[in-house]
Amino acid sequence: MSWRVSFVVIGAVSLLWLVAWIWYFRDDPRDHPAMTMPFLTLQRDALPIRAAGVTRTIPWVRLARHMMPVTVVDFCYGWTLWLFLTWIPAFFFGNYHQNLQASALFPVAC
């Protein structure tokens, strides 16, 4: 299967999931038609109280402060992975004349 076919298939599945998500899921369980009163009664303490016409603001600064360590770790992981996948094989081939195709199964055999 070519990468174009894979791209189209994954894109189509993603669009179907988007349609299902928009149709079925809600921000507030009280708005969902499949919710039963016993379930909502059990979850009453966990659900926020909505006032008419009042919207909550998102604390962007606090959210960014909490997400910054995750962002830094993900950047470092991506950079290190890119280094190991691209530069290290070329380093071993250029400096040690290691045949990469013959040595690919070496870690599996050990």
Protein backbone atom coordinates (compact mmCIF):
# COMPACT_ATOMS: atom_id res chain seq x y z
CA MET A 1 0.00 0.00 0.00
CA SER A 2 1.49 3.33 -0.99
CA TRP A 3 1.78 6.26 1.35
CA ARG A 4 -0.88 8.16 -0.62
CA VAL A 5 -3.46 5.45 -0.05
CA SER A 6 -2.53 5.31 3.65
CA PHE A 7 -2.85 9.09 3.88
CA VAL A 8 -6.31 9.07 2.29
CA VAL A 9 -7.53 6.15 4.45
CA ILE A 10 -6.33 7.74 7.69
CA GLY A 11 -7.81 11.09 6.62
CA ALA A 12 -11.19 9.50 5.84
CA VAL A 13 -11.25 7.63 9.16
CA SER A 14 -10.35 10.86 10.97
CA LEU A 15 -13.18 12.73 9.27
CA LEU A 16 -15.65 9.97 10.19
CA TRP A 17 -14.47 10.14 13.79
CA LEU A 18 -14.91 13.94 13.73
CA VAL A 19 -18.51 13.59 12.54
CA ALA A 20 -19.22 10.96 15.23
CA TRP A 21 -17.61 13.15 17.89
CA ILE A 22 -19.62 16.26 16.97
CA TRP A 23 -22.86 14.26 16.80
CA TYR A 24 -22.48 12.23 20.03
CA PHE A 25 -20.28 13.99 22.58
CA ARG A 26 -21.20 17.05 24.65
CA ASP A 27 -19.31 19.46 26.91
CA ASP A 28 -21.87 18.96 29.65
CA PRO A 29 -23.36 15.50 30.35
CA ARG A 30 -26.70 17.15 31.21
CA ASP A 31 -27.05 18.14 27.54
CA HIS A 32 -26.64 14.57 26.26
CA PRO A 33 -29.90 12.77 25.42
CA ALA A 34 -28.54 9.36 26.53
CA MET A 35 -27.83 10.48 30.11
CA THR A 36 -30.16 9.05 32.73
CA MET A 37 -31.35 10.83 35.83
CA PRO A 38 -29.74 8.29 38.23
CA PHE A 39 -26.36 8.84 36.58
CA LEU A 40 -26.72 12.62 36.71
CA THR A 41 -27.75 12.39 40.37
CA LEU A 42 -24.59 10.40 41.16
CA GLN A 43 -22.45 12.88 39.25
CA ARG A 44 -24.12 16.00 40.65
CA ASP A 45 -21.16 16.97 42.85
CA ALA A 46 -18.67 16.57 40.02
CA LEU A 47 -20.59 18.69 37.50
CA PRO A 48 -20.05 22.45 37.50
CA ILE A 49 -23.06 24.64 38.11
CA ARG A 50 -23.97 26.66 35.03
CA ALA A 51 -25.39 30.13 35.37
CA ALA A 52 -27.49 31.45 32.53
CA GLY A 53 -25.41 33.49 30.11
CA VAL A 54 -22.18 33.17 32.11
CA THR A 55 -19.12 31.80 30.36
CA ARG A 56 -15.96 30.68 32.06
CA THR A 57 -12.65 32.20 31.06
CA ILE A 58 -9.65 30.01 30.36
CA PRO A 59 -6.62 30.75 32.56
CA TRP A 60 -4.14 30.86 29.66
CA VAL A 61 -1.11 31.92 31.72
CA ARG A 62 -1.60 29.18 34.29
CA LEU A 63 -2.23 26.63 31.55
CA ALA A 64 0.90 27.70 29.65
CA ARG A 65 2.98 27.52 32.85
CA HIS A 66 1.81 23.94 33.46
CA MET A 67 2.33 22.90 29.84
CA MET A 68 5.81 24.40 29.44
CA PRO A 69 7.66 21.43 31.04
CA VAL A 70 5.75 19.03 28.80
CA THR A 71 6.62 21.12 25.75
CA VAL A 72 10.31 21.24 26.67
CA VAL A 73 10.47 17.48 27.28
CA ASP A 74 8.70 16.76 23.99
CA PHE A 75 11.09 19.07 22.14
CA CYS A 76 14.12 17.36 23.70
CA TYR A 77 12.70 13.92 22.95
CA GLY A 78 12.05 14.85 19.32
CA TRP A 79 15.49 16.38 18.88
CA THR A 80 17.25 13.38 20.42
CA LEU A 81 15.18 10.92 18.40
CA TRP A 82 15.98 12.82 15.20
CA LEU A 83 19.68 12.75 16.13
CA PHE A 84 19.70 9.00 16.73
CA LEU A 85 17.70 8.18 13.61
CA THR A 86 19.65 10.38 11.19
CA TRP A 87 23.12 11.29 12.40
CA ILE A 88 24.27 8.25 14.39
CA PRO A 89 23.94 5.74 11.48
CA ALA A 90 25.87 8.10 9.21
CA PHE A 91 28.51 8.54 11.93
CA PHE A 92 29.07 4.79 12.29
CA PHE A 93 29.13 4.30 8.53
CA GLY A 94 31.53 7.20 7.88
CA ASN A 95 33.93 6.72 10.81
CA TYR A 96 33.88 2.99 11.41
CA HIS A 97 32.84 1.78 7.93
CA GLN A 98 30.10 -0.26 9.53
CA ASN A 99 27.75 -1.93 7.09
CA LEU A 100 24.40 -0.69 8.36
CA GLN A 101 22.33 -3.27 6.49
CA ALA A 102 24.35 -6.17 7.87
CA SER A 103 24.36 -4.79 11.41
CA ALA A 104 20.63 -4.04 11.56
CA LEU A 105 19.89 -7.51 12.90
CA PHE A 106 22.81 -7.47 15.37
CA PRO A 107 20.80 -6.07 18.35
CA VAL A 108 18.07 -8.66 17.77
CA ALA A 109 20.57 -11.55 17.80
CA CYS A 110 22.14 -10.48 21.11
